[in-house]
Amino acid sequence: MSTNLVSWYSPALNITLNKHEVHLWCLSLERSKENIQDLLQILSPGERMRANRFGFDKDRDNFIVARGLLRQILSRYLELEPSNINFHYNQYGKPEINIDGYNLCFNISYSHELILIGVSQNRLIGVDLEYIYNDFPCGQVAETLFSPHEYSALLKLPENLQHQAFFNCWTRKEAYVKATGRGFSIPLDQFNVSFIPGEVAMLLNTRWDIKEASRWCLKEFIPCSGYVGALAVEGNDWQLRILNFQG
């Protein structure tokens, strides 16, 4: 699936999410200093401490914007003030929200100038977004982190396709491990995804469970030129709704 930003739907303030929907939000990381300070005020004390650990101002600002906008987005579903949202974290550090049996699942990724947030109800979800850097050492990283099958298939591609293929593979793998809630405790070389440019995004197989791939649906998305992303969602009985947010 390839989507142009200008065609994305911008909703009203209140928004509903049914159990057969998955919402994917697009936001800009580029914010004024005043807006960044406003977003800082709605973060929790723990989030502010995390922000202050970054060594570079740009990284600190990106974290503040991403977490602040995440709170603003989730507040639309929860009917809470953004600053009143309490995150709980699983043993691998993935944040969760469960209020009176309402399990709002979400995941966030940001790269370069964009943020992506996936939201679902009682359905595991993971997203990943990457800006394609043409000088990135794709072959070296793939040899270390991808499965032998994926690495071999990558090297067989024409050189002009290898960067796109690498980032296809990386984003699909990362979206999947984030969706499981276990993150990089799952070695990336222990499962295979499709990644050849033009192929449908799929989790092909895992080494630990022959049925695992059938539990998940992967989708590619290209929010605009220079980026590639992936969405991993539990189950297949859902529809995707793509939204943007000025914030």
Protein backbone atom coordinates (compact mmCIF):
# COMPACT_ATOMS: atom_id res chain seq x y z
CA MET A 1 0.00 0.00 0.00
CA SER A 2 1.39 3.37 -0.97
CA THR A 3 -0.25 6.55 0.28
CA ASN A 4 0.39 10.22 -0.40
CA LEU A 5 0.20 12.51 2.62
CA VAL A 6 -2.11 15.05 0.99
CA SER A 7 -4.83 12.45 0.57
CA TRP A 8 -4.90 11.43 4.20
CA TYR A 9 -8.00 12.18 6.20
CA SER A 10 -7.88 14.74 9.02
CA PRO A 11 -10.65 13.96 11.54
CA ALA A 12 -12.64 16.12 13.91
CA LEU A 13 -11.62 16.41 17.55
CA ASN A 14 -13.46 13.33 18.77
CA ILE A 15 -12.90 10.02 17.05
CA THR A 16 -14.19 6.50 17.59
CA LEU A 17 -12.37 3.24 17.01
CA ASN A 18 -14.21 -0.02 16.55
CA LYS A 19 -12.66 -3.43 17.06
CA HIS A 20 -12.34 -4.07 13.32
CA GLU A 21 -10.48 -0.84 12.60
CA VAL A 22 -6.80 0.06 12.76
CA HIS A 23 -5.91 3.75 12.68
CA LEU A 24 -2.62 5.02 11.35
CA TRP A 25 -1.73 8.63 12.10
CA CYS A 26 0.90 10.77 10.37
CA LEU A 27 2.43 13.76 12.14
CA SER A 28 5.31 16.14 11.56
CA LEU A 29 8.28 16.23 13.92
CA GLU A 30 9.06 19.79 12.88
CA ARG A 31 7.69 22.10 15.60
CA SER A 32 8.35 25.59 16.85
CA LYS A 33 10.21 26.10 20.12
CA GLU A 34 6.99 27.38 21.67
CA ASN A 35 5.10 24.25 20.63
CA ILE A 36 7.85 22.02 21.98
CA GLN A 37 7.62 23.76 25.35
CA ASP A 38 3.82 23.30 25.34
CA LEU A 39 4.24 19.59 24.61
CA LEU A 40 6.85 19.27 27.35
CA GLN A 41 4.26 20.44 29.90
CA ILE A 42 1.94 17.48 29.21
CA LEU A 43 4.63 14.84 29.67
CA SER A 44 4.93 12.83 32.86
CA PRO A 45 7.86 13.42 35.24
CA GLY A 46 9.40 10.16 34.02
CA GLU A 47 9.14 11.23 30.39
CA ARG A 48 10.76 14.58 31.20
CA MET A 49 13.63 12.76 32.88
CA ARG A 50 14.06 10.60 29.77
CA ALA A 51 14.05 13.71 27.58
CA ASN A 52 16.81 15.28 29.65
CA ARG A 53 19.07 12.26 29.17
CA PHE A 54 19.53 12.97 25.46
CA GLY A 55 22.90 14.45 24.67
CA PHE A 56 21.75 16.49 21.66
CA ASP A 57 19.00 19.11 21.64
CA LYS A 58 17.54 17.77 18.39
CA ASP A 59 17.14 14.27 19.84
CA ARG A 60 15.61 15.71 23.01
CA ASP A 61 13.16 17.85 21.05
CA ASN A 62 12.17 14.90 18.83
CA PHE A 63 11.41 12.78 21.89
CA ILE A 64 9.32 15.54 23.47
CA VAL A 65 7.35 16.09 20.27
CA ALA A 66 6.77 12.39 19.67
CA ARG A 67 5.60 11.65 23.21
CA GLY A 68 3.58 14.83 23.49
CA LEU A 69 1.75 14.23 20.21
CA LEU A 70 1.20 10.59 21.16
CA ARG A 71 -0.56 11.80 24.30
CA GLN A 72 -2.66 14.26 22.29
CA ILE A 73 -3.71 11.54 19.82
CA LEU A 74 -4.57 8.99 22.51
CA SER A 75 -6.55 11.57 24.48
CA ARG A 76 -9.05 11.66 21.60
CA TYR A 77 -9.87 8.00 22.15
CA LEU A 78 -9.75 7.97 25.95
CA GLU A 79 -11.60 11.24 26.65
CA LEU A 80 -8.84 12.23 29.05
CA GLU A 81 -6.57 15.22 29.23
CA PRO A 82 -3.25 14.31 27.56
CA SER A 83 -1.34 14.90 30.80
CA ASN A 84 -3.66 12.51 32.69
CA ILE A 85 -2.88 9.45 30.58
CA ASN A 86 -1.00 6.81 32.56
CA PHE A 87 1.11 4.31 30.67
CA HIS A 88 1.89 0.87 32.00
CA TYR A 89 4.92 -0.97 30.64
CA ASN A 90 5.35 -4.67 30.00
CA GLN A 91 8.54 -6.51 30.94
CA TYR A 92 10.13 -5.51 27.62
CA GLY A 93 9.31 -1.82 28.01
CA LYS A 94 6.37 -1.51 25.62
CA PRO A 95 3.75 0.98 26.92
CA GLU A 96 0.14 -0.17 27.31
CA ILE A 97 -3.19 1.35 28.36
CA ASN A 98 -6.00 -0.63 29.94
CA ILE A 99 -8.87 1.30 31.50
CA ASP A 100 -11.83 -0.67 32.89
CA GLY A 101 -11.27 -3.49 30.39
CA TYR A 102 -10.80 -1.14 27.43
CA ASN A 103 -7.43 -2.11 25.99
CA LEU A 104 -6.17 0.60 23.67
CA CYS A 105 -3.20 -0.79 21.77
CA PHE A 106 -0.78 1.60 20.09
CA ASN A 107 2.73 1.94 18.76
CA ILE A 108 4.88 4.84 17.59
CA SER A 109 7.86 5.31 15.32
CA TYR A 110 9.61 8.42 14.08
CA SER A 111 12.40 9.16 11.64
CA HIS A 112 13.86 12.31 10.11
CA GLU A 113 10.81 14.66 9.90
CA LEU A 114 7.83 12.33 10.37
CA ILE A 115 6.05 10.39 13.13
CA LEU A 116 3.72 7.43 12.68
CA ILE A 117 1.31 6.21 15.34
CA GLY A 118 -0.77 3.06 14.98
CA VAL A 119 -3.83 2.55 17.19
CA SER A 120 -6.13 -0.46 17.60
CA GLN A 121 -8.56 -1.89 20.12
CA ASN A 122 -7.66 -5.20 21.81
CA ARG A 123 -5.38 -6.06 18.89
CA LEU A 124 -1.58 -6.15 18.99
CA ILE A 125 0.03 -3.58 16.71
CA GLY A 126 3.49 -2.40 15.72
CA VAL A 127 4.75 0.27 13.34
CA ASP A 128 8.13 1.26 12.02
CA LEU A 129 9.21 4.17 9.85
CA GLU A 130 12.62 4.79 8.33
CA TYR A 131 14.09 7.53 6.20
CA ILE A 132 16.16 5.96 3.43
CA TYR A 133 19.77 7.07 3.72
CA ASN A 134 21.56 6.17 0.50
CA ASP A 135 24.95 5.90 2.22
CA PHE A 136 23.70 3.40 4.80
CA PRO A 137 25.83 0.19 4.87
CA CYS A 138 22.93 -2.10 4.04
CA GLY A 139 24.97 -5.18 3.18
CA GLN A 140 26.99 -5.13 6.40
CA VAL A 141 23.92 -4.67 8.59
CA ALA A 142 21.91 -7.30 6.71
CA GLU A 143 24.72 -9.86 7.07
CA THR A 144 24.71 -9.33 10.83
CA LEU A 145 20.99 -9.03 11.57
CA PHE A 146 18.92 -10.61 8.80
CA SER A 147 18.34 -14.32 8.28
CA PRO A 148 20.74 -16.13 5.92
CA HIS A 149 17.90 -16.47 3.39
CA GLU A 150 17.14 -12.74 3.49
CA TYR A 151 20.79 -11.76 3.23
CA SER A 152 21.32 -14.03 0.24
CA ALA A 153 18.19 -12.74 -1.50
CA LEU A 154 19.25 -9.13 -0.88
CA LEU A 155 22.67 -9.64 -2.51
CA LYS A 156 21.06 -11.18 -5.59
CA LEU A 157 19.12 -8.01 -6.33
CA PRO A 158 20.42 -5.33 -8.70
CA GLU A 159 22.36 -2.70 -6.77
CA ASN A 160 19.79 0.00 -7.55
CA LEU A 161 17.13 -2.00 -5.67
CA GLN A 162 19.16 -3.08 -2.65
CA HIS A 163 18.62 0.02 -0.49
CA GLN A 164 14.85 -0.05 -0.98
CA ALA A 165 14.78 -3.80 -0.32
CA PHE A 166 16.90 -3.46 2.82
CA PHE A 167 14.62 -0.83 4.35
CA ASN A 168 11.54 -2.84 3.33
CA CYS A 169 12.96 -5.79 5.25
CA TRP A 170 14.09 -3.76 8.24
CA THR A 171 10.80 -1.92 8.75
CA ARG A 172 8.71 -5.08 8.42
CA LYS A 173 10.88 -6.94 10.88
CA GLU A 174 10.89 -4.12 13.40
CA ALA A 175 7.14 -3.55 13.11
CA TYR A 176 6.56 -7.24 13.81
CA VAL A 177 8.82 -7.53 16.88
CA LYS A 178 7.33 -4.33 18.27
CA ALA A 179 3.82 -5.65 17.74
CA THR A 180 4.54 -8.81 19.73
CA GLY A 181 5.52 -6.63 22.70
CA ARG A 182 8.89 -8.38 22.96
CA GLY A 183 10.90 -6.03 20.76
CA PHE A 184 14.50 -6.94 20.01
CA SER A 185 14.48 -9.77 22.51
CA ILE A 186 13.35 -11.63 19.35
CA PRO A 187 16.47 -12.05 17.18
CA LEU A 188 15.83 -10.64 13.73
CA ASP A 189 17.51 -13.60 12.04
CA GLN A 190 14.97 -16.05 13.51
CA PHE A 191 12.15 -15.19 11.10
CA ASN A 192 11.66 -14.22 7.46
CA VAL A 193 9.61 -11.47 5.82
CA SER A 194 9.00 -10.62 2.18
CA PHE A 195 10.94 -7.54 1.09
CA ILE A 196 11.64 -7.55 -2.65
CA PRO A 197 10.34 -4.22 -4.05
CA GLY A 198 6.86 -4.80 -5.44
CA GLU A 199 6.15 -7.89 -3.32
CA VAL A 200 3.21 -7.91 -0.92
CA ALA A 201 4.40 -7.41 2.65
CA MET A 202 4.16 -10.66 4.62
CA LEU A 203 5.57 -12.45 7.63
CA LEU A 204 6.67 -15.64 5.87
CA ASN A 205 7.75 -17.91 8.71
CA THR A 206 9.42 -18.12 12.08
CA ARG A 207 11.82 -20.71 13.43
CA TRP A 208 9.86 -21.26 16.63
CA ASP A 209 6.25 -21.78 15.47
CA ILE A 210 4.95 -22.88 12.06
CA LYS A 211 1.60 -21.21 12.79
CA GLU A 212 2.98 -17.84 13.88
CA ALA A 213 2.96 -16.25 10.41
CA SER A 214 -0.77 -16.90 9.98
CA ARG A 215 -1.54 -14.80 13.11
CA TRP A 216 -0.22 -11.58 11.60
CA CYS A 217 -0.87 -9.18 8.78
CA LEU A 218 1.89 -6.89 7.49
CA LYS A 219 1.37 -3.85 5.30
CA GLU A 220 3.84 -1.57 3.58
CA PHE A 221 3.25 2.14 3.48
CA ILE A 222 5.18 4.97 1.86
CA PRO A 223 4.04 8.25 3.42
CA CYS A 224 6.10 10.34 1.01
CA SER A 225 9.23 10.17 -1.11
CA GLY A 226 12.34 9.07 0.75
CA TYR A 227 10.56 7.08 3.45
CA VAL A 228 9.46 3.50 3.88
CA GLY A 229 7.34 2.08 6.67
CA ALA A 230 5.53 -1.00 7.83
CA LEU A 231 2.53 -1.90 9.93
CA ALA A 232 2.15 -5.25 11.72
CA VAL A 233 -1.27 -6.13 13.14
CA GLU A 234 -2.60 -9.21 14.88
CA GLY A 235 -5.25 -11.00 12.82
CA ASN A 236 -6.68 -10.30 9.38
CA ASP A 237 -10.26 -9.19 10.09
CA TRP A 238 -9.60 -5.43 10.16
CA GLN A 239 -9.65 -2.37 7.97
CA LEU A 240 -7.04 0.36 7.84
CA ARG A 241 -7.98 4.03 8.25
CA ILE A 242 -5.21 6.52 7.57
CA LEU A 243 -5.31 9.93 9.23
CA ASN A 244 -3.15 12.99 9.68
CA PHE A 245 -2.97 15.47 12.49
CA GLN A 246 -1.67 19.01 12.54
CA GLY A 247 -1.45 19.18 16.33
